[in-house]
Amino acid sequence: MEISRLDKLLAFIQNEPEDEFLKYALATEYLRLNDSEKALSYYEDLVNNHPNYTGTYYHLGKLYEALNRKDDAISTYEKGMEITKAKRDMHAFSELQAVYRSAKGFEEDDDEDY
């Protein structure tokens, strides 16, 4: 019998319960399996307990948007932009800025009118 990817990740996290990458991998796997509730719990754990794991903010924000929690998505993107800017991770910052602007309803060309 083949062990599923989820089962492997769950076994790994038992040995390393605070491993940020494993939490992120579990969140992503649960999302892939359409278990939004469990994905959300892992993503929220990451932003609360491992705030510098910057990849979380984009995916958590997108999940909030999918769950019609737009205000939560926007605040998640804002927090992620703060952290990525402080870390000088401009690639992650620009990705978060793009989804933030989209969530706020800004168009790419809005700034050019002023």
PDB file of N, CA and C in Angstrom:
ATOM      1  N   MET A   1       0.836  -1.190   0.000  1.00  0.00           N
ATOM      2  CA  MET A   1       0.000   0.000   0.000  1.00  0.00           C
ATOM      3  C   MET A   1       0.880   1.253   0.000  1.00  0.00           C
ATOM      4  N   GLU A   2       0.565   2.167  -0.896  1.00  0.00           N
ATOM      5  CA  GLU A   2       1.355   3.389  -1.010  1.00  0.00           C
ATOM      6  C   GLU A   2       0.893   4.432   0.013  1.00  0.00           C
ATOM      7  N   ILE A   3       1.850   5.088   0.631  1.00  0.00           N
ATOM      8  CA  ILE A   3       1.537   6.130   1.611  1.00  0.00           C
ATOM      9  C   ILE A   3       1.320   7.446   0.854  1.00  0.00           C
ATOM     10  N   SER A   4       0.233   8.119   1.170  1.00  0.00           N
ATOM     11  CA  SER A   4      -0.074   9.372   0.481  1.00  0.00           C
ATOM     12  C   SER A   4       0.883  10.484   0.917  1.00  0.00           C
ATOM     13  N   ARG A   5       0.947  11.500   0.094  1.00  0.00           N
ATOM     14  CA  ARG A   5       1.776  12.660   0.407  1.00  0.00           C
ATOM     15  C   ARG A   5       1.328  13.281   1.733  1.00  0.00           C
ATOM     16  N   LEU A   6       0.022  13.358   1.940  1.00  0.00           N
ATOM     17  CA  LEU A   6      -0.504  13.913   3.187  1.00  0.00           C
ATOM     18  C   LEU A   6      -0.053  13.078   4.385  1.00  0.00           C
ATOM     19  N   ASP A   7      -0.143  11.775   4.276  1.00  0.00           N
ATOM     20  CA  ASP A   7       0.284  10.903   5.384  1.00  0.00           C
ATOM     21  C   ASP A   7       1.772  11.082   5.694  1.00  0.00           C
ATOM     22  N   LYS A   8       2.570  11.221   4.645  1.00  0.00           N
ATOM     23  CA  LYS A   8       4.004  11.439   4.849  1.00  0.00           C
ATOM     24  C   LYS A   8       4.250  12.750   5.585  1.00  0.00           C
ATOM     25  N   LEU A   9       3.563  13.809   5.148  1.00  0.00           N
ATOM     26  CA  LEU A   9       3.743  15.116   5.799  1.00  0.00           C
ATOM     27  C   LEU A   9       3.296  15.073   7.256  1.00  0.00           C
ATOM     28  N   LEU A  10       2.192  14.411   7.515  1.00  0.00           N
ATOM     29  CA  LEU A  10       1.701  14.301   8.897  1.00  0.00           C
ATOM     30  C   LEU A  10       2.687  13.528   9.767  1.00  0.00           C
ATOM     31  N   ALA A  11       3.318  12.523   9.202  1.00  0.00           N
ATOM     32  CA  ALA A  11       4.335  11.776   9.950  1.00  0.00           C
ATOM     33  C   ALA A  11       5.551  12.653  10.237  1.00  0.00           C
ATOM     34  N   PHE A  12       5.967  13.429   9.248  1.00  0.00           N
ATOM     35  CA  PHE A  12       7.119  14.320   9.430  1.00  0.00           C
ATOM     36  C   PHE A  12       6.853  15.372  10.503  1.00  0.00           C
ATOM     37  N   ILE A  13       5.646  15.946  10.498  1.00  0.00           N
ATOM     38  CA  ILE A  13       5.365  17.035  11.442  1.00  0.00           C
ATOM     39  C   ILE A  13       5.267  16.521  12.874  1.00  0.00           C
ATOM     40  N   GLN A  14       5.002  15.239  13.048  1.00  0.00           N
ATOM     41  CA  GLN A  14       5.003  14.679  14.404  1.00  0.00           C
ATOM     42  C   GLN A  14       6.398  14.762  15.011  1.00  0.00           C
ATOM     43  N   ASN A  15       7.407  14.610  14.183  1.00  0.00           N
ATOM     44  CA  ASN A  15       8.791  14.694  14.654  1.00  0.00           C
ATOM     45  C   ASN A  15       9.300  16.123  14.747  1.00  0.00           C
ATOM     46  N   GLU A  16       8.736  17.011  13.950  1.00  0.00           N
ATOM     47  CA  GLU A  16       9.174  18.418  13.910  1.00  0.00           C
ATOM     48  C   GLU A  16       7.944  19.323  13.942  1.00  0.00           C
ATOM     49  N   PRO A  17       7.234  19.388  15.062  1.00  0.00           N
ATOM     50  CA  PRO A  17       5.948  20.102  15.101  1.00  0.00           C
ATOM     51  C   PRO A  17       6.024  21.608  14.848  1.00  0.00           C
ATOM     52  N   GLU A  18       7.193  22.197  14.961  1.00  0.00           N
ATOM     53  CA  GLU A  18       7.304  23.644  14.724  1.00  0.00           C
ATOM     54  C   GLU A  18       8.021  23.972  13.418  1.00  0.00           C
ATOM     55  N   ASP A  19       8.194  22.993  12.561  1.00  0.00           N
ATOM     56  CA  ASP A  19       8.877  23.211  11.284  1.00  0.00           C
ATOM     57  C   ASP A  19       7.977  24.014  10.343  1.00  0.00           C
ATOM     58  N   GLU A  20       8.429  25.221   9.997  1.00  0.00           N
ATOM     59  CA  GLU A  20       7.610  26.112   9.176  1.00  0.00           C
ATOM     60  C   GLU A  20       7.367  25.546   7.786  1.00  0.00           C
ATOM     61  N   PHE A  21       8.383  24.955   7.184  1.00  0.00           N
ATOM     62  CA  PHE A  21       8.203  24.401   5.852  1.00  0.00           C
ATOM     63  C   PHE A  21       7.171  23.275   5.856  1.00  0.00           C
ATOM     64  N   LEU A  22       7.206  22.412   6.874  1.00  0.00           N
ATOM     65  CA  LEU A  22       6.235  21.327   6.943  1.00  0.00           C
ATOM     66  C   LEU A  22       4.817  21.863   7.136  1.00  0.00           C
ATOM     67  N   LYS A  23       4.674  22.898   7.957  1.00  0.00           N
ATOM     68  CA  LYS A  23       3.357  23.509   8.134  1.00  0.00           C
ATOM     69  C   LYS A  23       2.853  24.087   6.813  1.00  0.00           C
ATOM     70  N   TYR A  24       3.758  24.754   6.099  1.00  0.00           N
ATOM     71  CA  TYR A  24       3.406  25.330   4.807  1.00  0.00           C
ATOM     72  C   TYR A  24       3.025  24.227   3.813  1.00  0.00           C
ATOM     73  N   ALA A  25       3.803  23.153   3.798  1.00  0.00           N
ATOM     74  CA  ALA A  25       3.524  22.033   2.893  1.00  0.00           C
ATOM     75  C   ALA A  25       2.182  21.388   3.231  1.00  0.00           C
ATOM     76  N   LEU A  26       1.871  21.259   4.507  1.00  0.00           N
ATOM     77  CA  LEU A  26       0.581  20.694   4.906  1.00  0.00           C
ATOM     78  C   LEU A  26      -0.576  21.609   4.495  1.00  0.00           C
ATOM     79  N   ALA A  27      -0.417  22.895   4.705  1.00  0.00           N
ATOM     80  CA  ALA A  27      -1.455  23.841   4.294  1.00  0.00           C
ATOM     81  C   ALA A  27      -1.711  23.722   2.799  1.00  0.00           C
ATOM     82  N   THR A  28      -0.644  23.671   2.037  1.00  0.00           N
ATOM     83  CA  THR A  28      -0.755  23.574   0.583  1.00  0.00           C
ATOM     84  C   THR A  28      -1.393  22.263   0.165  1.00  0.00           C
ATOM     85  N   GLU A  29      -1.019  21.186   0.837  1.00  0.00           N
ATOM     86  CA  GLU A  29      -1.590  19.875   0.516  1.00  0.00           C
ATOM     87  C   GLU A  29      -3.079  19.824   0.858  1.00  0.00           C
ATOM     88  N   TYR A  30      -3.448  20.358   2.010  1.00  0.00           N
ATOM     89  CA  TYR A  30      -4.868  20.387   2.365  1.00  0.00           C
ATOM     90  C   TYR A  30      -5.654  21.240   1.367  1.00  0.00           C
ATOM     91  N   LEU A  31      -5.071  22.332   0.924  1.00  0.00           N
ATOM     92  CA  LEU A  31      -5.731  23.170  -0.075  1.00  0.00           C
ATOM     93  C   LEU A  31      -5.922  22.377  -1.371  1.00  0.00           C
ATOM     94  N   ARG A  32      -4.905  21.653  -1.767  1.00  0.00           N
ATOM     95  CA  ARG A  32      -4.975  20.824  -2.975  1.00  0.00           C
ATOM     96  C   ARG A  32      -6.077  19.769  -2.855  1.00  0.00           C
ATOM     97  N   LEU A  33      -6.300  19.299  -1.631  1.00  0.00           N
ATOM     98  CA  LEU A  33      -7.328  18.287  -1.369  1.00  0.00           C
ATOM     99  C   LEU A  33      -8.702  18.909  -1.080  1.00  0.00           C
ATOM    100  N   ASN A  34      -8.807  20.226  -1.290  1.00  0.00           N
ATOM    101  CA  ASN A  34     -10.055  20.973  -1.075  1.00  0.00           C
ATOM    102  C   ASN A  34     -10.543  20.947   0.369  1.00  0.00           C
ATOM    103  N   ASP A  35      -9.597  20.895   1.308  1.00  0.00           N
ATOM    104  CA  ASP A  35      -9.944  20.983   2.728  1.00  0.00           C
ATOM    105  C   ASP A  35      -9.514  22.373   3.208  1.00  0.00           C
ATOM    106  N   SER A  36     -10.336  23.355   2.880  1.00  0.00           N
ATOM    107  CA  SER A  36     -10.007  24.754   3.181  1.00  0.00           C
ATOM    108  C   SER A  36      -9.846  25.010   4.667  1.00  0.00           C
ATOM    109  N   GLU A  37     -10.641  24.330   5.481  1.00  0.00           N
ATOM    110  CA  GLU A  37     -10.590  24.553   6.928  1.00  0.00           C
ATOM    111  C   GLU A  37      -9.222  24.175   7.507  1.00  0.00           C
ATOM    112  N   LYS A  38      -8.716  23.007   7.115  1.00  0.00           N
ATOM    113  CA  LYS A  38      -7.413  22.586   7.626  1.00  0.00           C
ATOM    114  C   LYS A  38      -6.290  23.425   7.015  1.00  0.00           C
ATOM    115  N   ALA A  39      -6.415  23.752   5.737  1.00  0.00           N
ATOM    116  CA  ALA A  39      -5.417  24.615   5.092  1.00  0.00           C
ATOM    117  C   ALA A  39      -5.358  25.952   5.825  1.00  0.00           C
ATOM    118  N   LEU A  40      -6.518  26.505   6.094  1.00  0.00           N
ATOM    119  CA  LEU A  40      -6.603  27.790   6.789  1.00  0.00           C
ATOM    120  C   LEU A  40      -5.945  27.714   8.161  1.00  0.00           C
ATOM    121  N   SER A  41      -6.158  26.632   8.887  1.00  0.00           N
ATOM    122  CA  SER A  41      -5.581  26.538  10.226  1.00  0.00           C
ATOM    123  C   SER A  41      -4.053  26.518  10.166  1.00  0.00           C
ATOM    124  N   TYR A  42      -3.479  25.826   9.183  1.00  0.00           N
ATOM    125  CA  TYR A  42      -2.017  25.804   9.064  1.00  0.00           C
ATOM    126  C   TYR A  42      -1.477  27.155   8.596  1.00  0.00           C
ATOM    127  N   TYR A  43      -2.135  27.782   7.619  1.00  0.00           N
ATOM    128  CA  TYR A  43      -1.672  29.099   7.163  1.00  0.00           C
ATOM    129  C   TYR A  43      -1.760  30.128   8.294  1.00  0.00           C
ATOM    130  N   GLU A  44      -2.858  30.109   9.049  1.00  0.00           N
ATOM    131  CA  GLU A  44      -3.003  31.064  10.151  1.00  0.00           C
ATOM    132  C   GLU A  44      -1.979  30.792  11.249  1.00  0.00           C
ATOM    133  N   ASP A  45      -1.687  29.525  11.510  1.00  0.00           N
ATOM    134  CA  ASP A  45      -0.647  29.187  12.472  1.00  0.00           C
ATOM    135  C   ASP A  45       0.686  29.780  12.019  1.00  0.00           C
ATOM    136  N   LEU A  46       0.968  29.686  10.742  1.00  0.00           N
ATOM    137  CA  LEU A  46       2.233  30.219  10.220  1.00  0.00           C
ATOM    138  C   LEU A  46       2.339  31.725  10.411  1.00  0.00           C
ATOM    139  N   VAL A  47       1.302  32.482  10.050  1.00  0.00           N
ATOM    140  CA  VAL A  47       1.411  33.943  10.190  1.00  0.00           C
ATOM    141  C   VAL A  47       1.436  34.370  11.650  1.00  0.00           C
ATOM    142  N   ASN A  48       0.809  33.581  12.515  1.00  0.00           N
ATOM    143  CA  ASN A  48       0.807  33.923  13.943  1.00  0.00           C
ATOM    144  C   ASN A  48       2.089  33.511  14.658  1.00  0.00           C
ATOM    145  N   ASN A  49       2.655  32.370  14.289  1.00  0.00           N
ATOM    146  CA  ASN A  49       3.810  31.837  15.013  1.00  0.00           C
ATOM    147  C   ASN A  49       5.129  31.885  14.244  1.00  0.00           C
ATOM    148  N   HIS A  50       5.051  32.113  12.948  1.00  0.00           N
ATOM    149  CA  HIS A  50       6.244  32.194  12.099  1.00  0.00           C
ATOM    150  C   HIS A  50       6.044  33.337  11.097  1.00  0.00           C
ATOM    151  N   PRO A  51       5.889  34.559  11.589  1.00  0.00           N
ATOM    152  CA  PRO A  51       5.516  35.671  10.703  1.00  0.00           C
ATOM    153  C   PRO A  51       6.537  35.982   9.605  1.00  0.00           C
ATOM    154  N   ASN A  52       7.762  35.552   9.757  1.00  0.00           N
ATOM    155  CA  ASN A  52       8.768  35.829   8.732  1.00  0.00           C
ATOM    156  C   ASN A  52       8.788  34.805   7.608  1.00  0.00           C
ATOM    157  N   TYR A  53       7.919  33.805   7.672  1.00  0.00           N
ATOM    158  CA  TYR A  53       7.799  32.837   6.578  1.00  0.00           C
ATOM    159  C   TYR A  53       6.901  33.479   5.523  1.00  0.00           C
ATOM    160  N   THR A  54       7.521  34.273   4.674  1.00  0.00           N
ATOM    161  CA  THR A  54       6.798  35.217   3.828  1.00  0.00           C
ATOM    162  C   THR A  54       5.906  34.590   2.760  1.00  0.00           C
ATOM    163  N   GLY A  55       6.204  33.374   2.338  1.00  0.00           N
ATOM    164  CA  GLY A  55       5.375  32.750   1.316  1.00  0.00           C
ATOM    165  C   GLY A  55       3.937  32.528   1.745  1.00  0.00           C
ATOM    166  N   THR A  56       3.707  32.544   3.023  1.00  0.00           N
ATOM    167  CA  THR A  56       2.378  32.287   3.562  1.00  0.00           C
ATOM    168  C   THR A  56       1.375  33.380   3.212  1.00  0.00           C
ATOM    169  N   TYR A  57       1.806  34.626   3.223  1.00  0.00           N
ATOM    170  CA  TYR A  57       0.870  35.748   3.113  1.00  0.00           C
ATOM    171  C   TYR A  57       0.096  35.745   1.804  1.00  0.00           C
ATOM    172  N   TYR A  58       0.764  35.453   0.716  1.00  0.00           N
ATOM    173  CA  TYR A  58       0.102  35.409  -0.583  1.00  0.00           C
ATOM    174  C   TYR A  58      -0.989  34.329  -0.579  1.00  0.00           C
ATOM    175  N   HIS A  59      -0.630  33.132  -0.152  1.00  0.00           N
ATOM    176  CA  HIS A  59      -1.564  32.012  -0.211  1.00  0.00           C
ATOM    177  C   HIS A  59      -2.699  32.140   0.796  1.00  0.00           C
ATOM    178  N   LEU A  60      -2.396  32.643   1.979  1.00  0.00           N
ATOM    179  CA  LEU A  60      -3.456  32.869   2.962  1.00  0.00           C
ATOM    180  C   LEU A  60      -4.418  33.940   2.459  1.00  0.00           C
ATOM    181  N   GLY A  61      -3.883  35.005   1.906  1.00  0.00           N
ATOM    182  CA  GLY A  61      -4.742  36.056   1.361  1.00  0.00           C
ATOM    183  C   GLY A  61      -5.649  35.533   0.255  1.00  0.00           C
ATOM    184  N   LYS A  62      -5.091  34.735  -0.638  1.00  0.00           N
ATOM    185  CA  LYS A  62      -5.887  34.161  -1.725  1.00  0.00           C
ATOM    186  C   LYS A  62      -6.968  33.234  -1.176  1.00  0.00           C
ATOM    187  N   LEU A  63      -6.636  32.470  -0.135  1.00  0.00           N
ATOM    188  CA  LEU A  63      -7.630  31.598   0.477  1.00  0.00           C
ATOM    189  C   LEU A  63      -8.738  32.430   1.118  1.00  0.00           C
ATOM    190  N   TYR A  64      -8.361  33.492   1.818  1.00  0.00           N
ATOM    191  CA  TYR A  64      -9.381  34.382   2.381  1.00  0.00           C
ATOM    192  C   TYR A  64     -10.284  34.934   1.279  1.00  0.00           C
ATOM    193  N   GLU A  65      -9.695  35.327   0.163  1.00  0.00           N
ATOM    194  CA  GLU A  65     -10.518  35.837  -0.938  1.00  0.00           C
ATOM    195  C   GLU A  65     -11.486  34.760  -1.419  1.00  0.00           C
ATOM    196  N   ALA A  66     -11.002  33.535  -1.571  1.00  0.00           N
ATOM    197  CA  ALA A  66     -11.855  32.433  -2.029  1.00  0.00           C
ATOM    198  C   ALA A  66     -12.985  32.155  -1.040  1.00  0.00           C
ATOM    199  N   LEU A  67     -12.733  32.447   0.235  1.00  0.00           N
ATOM    200  CA  LEU A  67     -13.743  32.239   1.285  1.00  0.00           C
ATOM    201  C   LEU A  67     -14.611  33.485   1.500  1.00  0.00           C
ATOM    202  N   ASN A  68     -14.477  34.455   0.591  1.00  0.00           N
ATOM    203  CA  ASN A  68     -15.231  35.716   0.672  1.00  0.00           C
ATOM    204  C   ASN A  68     -14.933  36.494   1.949  1.00  0.00           C
ATOM    205  N   ARG A  69     -13.677  36.454   2.356  1.00  0.00           N
ATOM    206  CA  ARG A  69     -13.229  37.210   3.529  1.00  0.00           C
ATOM    207  C   ARG A  69     -12.246  38.277   3.041  1.00  0.00           C
ATOM    208  N   LYS A  70     -12.773  39.188   2.249  1.00  0.00           N
ATOM    209  CA  LYS A  70     -11.949  40.186   1.567  1.00  0.00           C
ATOM    210  C   LYS A  70     -11.156  41.061   2.529  1.00  0.00           C
ATOM    211  N   ASP A  71     -11.771  41.502   3.608  1.00  0.00           N
ATOM    212  CA  ASP A  71     -11.052  42.355   4.566  1.00  0.00           C
ATOM    213  C   ASP A  71      -9.868  41.614   5.188  1.00  0.00           C
ATOM    214  N   ASP A  72     -10.067  40.331   5.493  1.00  0.00           N
ATOM    215  CA  ASP A  72      -8.967  39.526   6.024  1.00  0.00           C
ATOM    216  C   ASP A  72      -7.864  39.367   4.981  1.00  0.00           C
ATOM    217  N   ALA A  73      -8.266  39.194   3.731  1.00  0.00           N
ATOM    218  CA  ALA A  73      -7.278  39.063   2.650  1.00  0.00           C
ATOM    219  C   ALA A  73      -6.446  40.334   2.541  1.00  0.00           C
ATOM    220  N   ILE A  74      -7.112  41.472   2.546  1.00  0.00           N
ATOM    221  CA  ILE A  74      -6.406  42.757   2.402  1.00  0.00           C
ATOM    222  C   ILE A  74      -5.446  42.979   3.563  1.00  0.00           C
ATOM    223  N   SER A  75      -5.894  42.715   4.791  1.00  0.00           N
ATOM    224  CA  SER A  75      -4.992  42.918   5.930  1.00  0.00           C
ATOM    225  C   SER A  75      -3.830  41.922   5.903  1.00  0.00           C
ATOM    226  N   THR A  76      -4.074  40.720   5.391  1.00  0.00           N
ATOM    227  CA  THR A  76      -2.992  39.730   5.247  1.00  0.00           C
ATOM    228  C   THR A  76      -1.968  40.210   4.227  1.00  0.00           C
ATOM    229  N   TYR A  77      -2.436  40.721   3.109  1.00  0.00           N
ATOM    230  CA  TYR A  77      -1.519  41.249   2.096  1.00  0.00           C
ATOM    231  C   TYR A  77      -0.717  42.429   2.661  1.00  0.00           C
ATOM    232  N   GLU A  78      -1.392  43.304   3.407  1.00  0.00           N
ATOM    233  CA  GLU A  78      -0.699  44.463   3.990  1.00  0.00           C
ATOM    234  C   GLU A  78       0.408  44.020   4.939  1.00  0.00           C
ATOM    235  N   LYS A  79       0.104  43.066   5.813  1.00  0.00           N
ATOM    236  CA  LYS A  79       1.105  42.564   6.761  1.00  0.00           C
ATOM    237  C   LYS A  79       2.258  41.911   6.007  1.00  0.00           C
ATOM    238  N   GLY A  80       1.938  41.132   4.996  1.00  0.00           N
ATOM    239  CA  GLY A  80       2.970  40.497   4.184  1.00  0.00           C
ATOM    240  C   GLY A  80       3.859  41.510   3.487  1.00  0.00           C
ATOM    241  N   MET A  81       3.262  42.593   2.990  1.00  0.00           N
ATOM    242  CA  MET A  81       4.059  43.641   2.337  1.00  0.00           C
ATOM    243  C   MET A  81       5.001  44.306   3.329  1.00  0.00           C
ATOM    244  N   GLU A  82       4.517  44.538   4.553  1.00  0.00           N
ATOM    245  CA  GLU A  82       5.373  45.118   5.601  1.00  0.00           C
ATOM    246  C   GLU A  82       6.607  44.239   5.844  1.00  0.00           C
ATOM    247  N   ILE A  83       6.349  42.957   6.006  1.00  0.00           N
ATOM    248  CA  ILE A  83       7.428  42.020   6.345  1.00  0.00           C
ATOM    249  C   ILE A  83       8.388  41.830   5.172  1.00  0.00           C
ATOM    250  N   THR A  84       7.849  41.668   3.971  1.00  0.00           N
ATOM    251  CA  THR A  84       8.741  41.462   2.821  1.00  0.00           C
ATOM    252  C   THR A  84       9.555  42.711   2.520  1.00  0.00           C
ATOM    253  N   LYS A  85       8.962  43.876   2.745  1.00  0.00           N
ATOM    254  CA  LYS A  85       9.714  45.115   2.527  1.00  0.00           C
ATOM    255  C   LYS A  85      10.847  45.222   3.542  1.00  0.00           C
ATOM    256  N   ALA A  86      10.554  44.900   4.795  1.00  0.00           N
ATOM    257  CA  ALA A  86      11.576  44.950   5.843  1.00  0.00           C
ATOM    258  C   ALA A  86      12.704  43.949   5.570  1.00  0.00           C
ATOM    259  N   LYS A  87      12.353  42.819   4.980  1.00  0.00           N
ATOM    260  CA  LYS A  87      13.356  41.801   4.657  1.00  0.00           C
ATOM    261  C   LYS A  87      14.045  42.081   3.316  1.00  0.00           C
ATOM    262  N   ARG A  88      13.603  43.119   2.646  1.00  0.00           N
ATOM    263  CA  ARG A  88      14.113  43.493   1.320  1.00  0.00           C
ATOM    264  C   ARG A  88      13.916  42.377   0.293  1.00  0.00           C
ATOM    265  N   ASP A  89      12.799  41.668   0.437  1.00  0.00           N
ATOM    266  CA  ASP A  89      12.422  40.631  -0.519  1.00  0.00           C
ATOM    267  C   ASP A  89      11.465  41.284  -1.512  1.00  0.00           C
ATOM    268  N   MET A  90      12.039  41.988  -2.468  1.00  0.00           N
ATOM    269  CA  MET A  90      11.232  42.806  -3.363  1.00  0.00           C
ATOM    270  C   MET A  90      10.388  41.971  -4.330  1.00  0.00           C
ATOM    271  N   HIS A  91      10.822  40.767  -4.652  1.00  0.00           N
ATOM    272  CA  HIS A  91      10.006  39.903  -5.511  1.00  0.00           C
ATOM    273  C   HIS A  91       8.699  39.536  -4.799  1.00  0.00           C
ATOM    274  N   ALA A  92       8.808  39.055  -3.570  1.00  0.00           N
ATOM    275  CA  ALA A  92       7.617  38.706  -2.798  1.00  0.00           C
ATOM    276  C   ALA A  92       6.769  39.950  -2.533  1.00  0.00           C
ATOM    277  N   PHE A  93       7.433  41.078  -2.252  1.00  0.00           N
ATOM    278  CA  PHE A  93       6.710  42.329  -2.017  1.00  0.00           C
ATOM    279  C   PHE A  93       5.872  42.690  -3.239  1.00  0.00           C
ATOM    280  N   SER A  94       6.464  42.616  -4.433  1.00  0.00           N
ATOM    281  CA  SER A  94       5.729  43.020  -5.635  1.00  0.00           C
ATOM    282  C   SER A  94       4.559  42.073  -5.926  1.00  0.00           C
ATOM    283  N   GLU A  95       4.728  40.779  -5.623  1.00  0.00           N
ATOM    284  CA  GLU A  95       3.610  39.838  -5.805  1.00  0.00           C
ATOM    285  C   GLU A  95       2.468  40.170  -4.850  1.00  0.00           C
ATOM    286  N   LEU A  96       2.815  40.460  -3.605  1.00  0.00           N
ATOM    287  CA  LEU A  96       1.793  40.823  -2.626  1.00  0.00           C
ATOM    288  C   LEU A  96       1.132  42.147  -2.988  1.00  0.00           C
ATOM    289  N   GLN A  97       1.920  43.077  -3.456  1.00  0.00           N
ATOM    290  CA  GLN A  97       1.375  44.379  -3.839  1.00  0.00           C
ATOM    291  C   GLN A  97       0.368  44.222  -4.983  1.00  0.00           C
ATOM    292  N   ALA A  98       0.669  43.356  -5.938  1.00  0.00           N
ATOM    293  CA  ALA A  98      -0.240  43.140  -7.069  1.00  0.00           C
ATOM    294  C   ALA A  98      -1.574  42.553  -6.606  1.00  0.00           C
ATOM    295  N   VAL A  99      -1.537  41.534  -5.729  1.00  0.00           N
ATOM    296  CA  VAL A  99      -2.803  40.946  -5.278  1.00  0.00           C
ATOM    297  C   VAL A  99      -3.538  41.892  -4.330  1.00  0.00           C
ATOM    298  N   TYR A 100      -2.785  42.677  -3.579  1.00  0.00           N
ATOM    299  CA  TYR A 100      -3.401  43.688  -2.704  1.00  0.00           C
ATOM    300  C   TYR A 100      -4.170  44.711  -3.542  1.00  0.00           C
ATOM    301  N   ARG A 101      -3.504  45.221  -4.562  1.00  0.00           N
ATOM    302  CA  ARG A 101      -4.139  46.223  -5.425  1.00  0.00           C
ATOM    303  C   ARG A 101      -5.384  45.642  -6.104  1.00  0.00           C
ATOM    304  N   SER A 102      -5.297  44.397  -6.518  1.00  0.00           N
ATOM    305  CA  SER A 102      -6.442  43.737  -7.140  1.00  0.00           C
ATOM    306  C   SER A 102      -7.582  43.589  -6.132  1.00  0.00           C
ATOM    307  N   ALA A 103      -7.273  43.162  -4.921  1.00  0.00           N
ATOM    308  CA  ALA A 103      -8.297  42.992  -3.883  1.00  0.00           C
ATOM    309  C   ALA A 103      -8.951  44.319  -3.513  1.00  0.00           C
ATOM    310  N   LYS A 104      -8.174  45.394  -3.561  1.00  0.00           N
ATOM    311  CA  LYS A 104      -8.699  46.728  -3.249  1.00  0.00           C
ATOM    312  C   LYS A 104      -9.486  47.321  -4.423  1.00  0.00           C
ATOM    313  N   GLY A 105      -9.367  46.680  -5.599  1.00  0.00           N
ATOM    314  CA  GLY A 105     -10.099  47.166  -6.766  1.00  0.00           C
ATOM    315  C   GLY A 105      -9.349  48.185  -7.595  1.00  0.00           C
ATOM    316  N   PHE A 106      -8.044  48.299  -7.376  1.00  0.00           N
ATOM    317  CA  PHE A 106      -7.236  49.220  -8.162  1.00  0.00           C
ATOM    318  C   PHE A 106      -6.861  48.559  -9.472  1.00  0.00           C
ATOM    319  N   GLU A 107      -6.839  49.350 -10.514  1.00  0.00           N
ATOM    320  CA  GLU A 107      -6.357  48.864 -11.806  1.00  0.00           C
ATOM    321  C   GLU A 107      -4.899  49.259 -11.943  1.00  0.00           C
ATOM    322  N   GLU A 108      -4.171  48.549 -12.765  1.00  0.00           N
ATOM    323  CA  GLU A 108      -2.742  48.814 -12.962  1.00  0.00           C
ATOM    324  C   GLU A 108      -2.468  50.254 -13.381  1.00  0.00           C
ATOM    325  N   ASP A 109      -3.349  50.856 -14.172  1.00  0.00           N
ATOM    326  CA  ASP A 109      -3.085  52.184 -14.720  1.00  0.00           C
ATOM    327  C   ASP A 109      -3.660  53.316 -13.859  1.00  0.00           C
ATOM    328  N   ASP A 110      -4.271  53.016 -12.730  1.00  0.00           N
ATOM    329  CA  ASP A 110      -4.913  54.052 -11.908  1.00  0.00           C
ATOM    330  C   ASP A 110      -3.942  55.165 -11.521  1.00  0.00           C
ATOM    331  N   ASP A 111      -2.697  54.834 -11.189  1.00  0.00           N
ATOM    332  CA  ASP A 111      -1.745  55.832 -10.734  1.00  0.00           C
ATOM    333  C   ASP A 111      -1.330  56.790 -11.849  1.00  0.00           C
ATOM    334  N   GLU A 112      -1.457  56.374 -13.078  1.00  0.00           N
ATOM    335  CA  GLU A 112      -0.982  57.198 -14.166  1.00  0.00           C
ATOM    336  C   GLU A 112      -1.899  58.377 -14.458  1.00  0.00           C
ATOM    337  N   ASP A 113      -3.095  58.405 -13.897  1.00  0.00           N
ATOM    338  CA  ASP A 113      -4.019  59.491 -14.138  1.00  0.00           C
ATOM    339  C   ASP A 113      -3.712  60.719 -13.300  1.00  0.00           C
ATOM    340  N   TYR A 114      -2.783  60.633 -12.377  1.00  0.00           N
ATOM    341  CA  TYR A 114      -2.534  61.748 -11.452  1.00  0.00           C
ATOM    342  C   TYR A 114      -1.224  62.410 -11.733  1.00  0.00           C
TER     343      TYR A 114
END
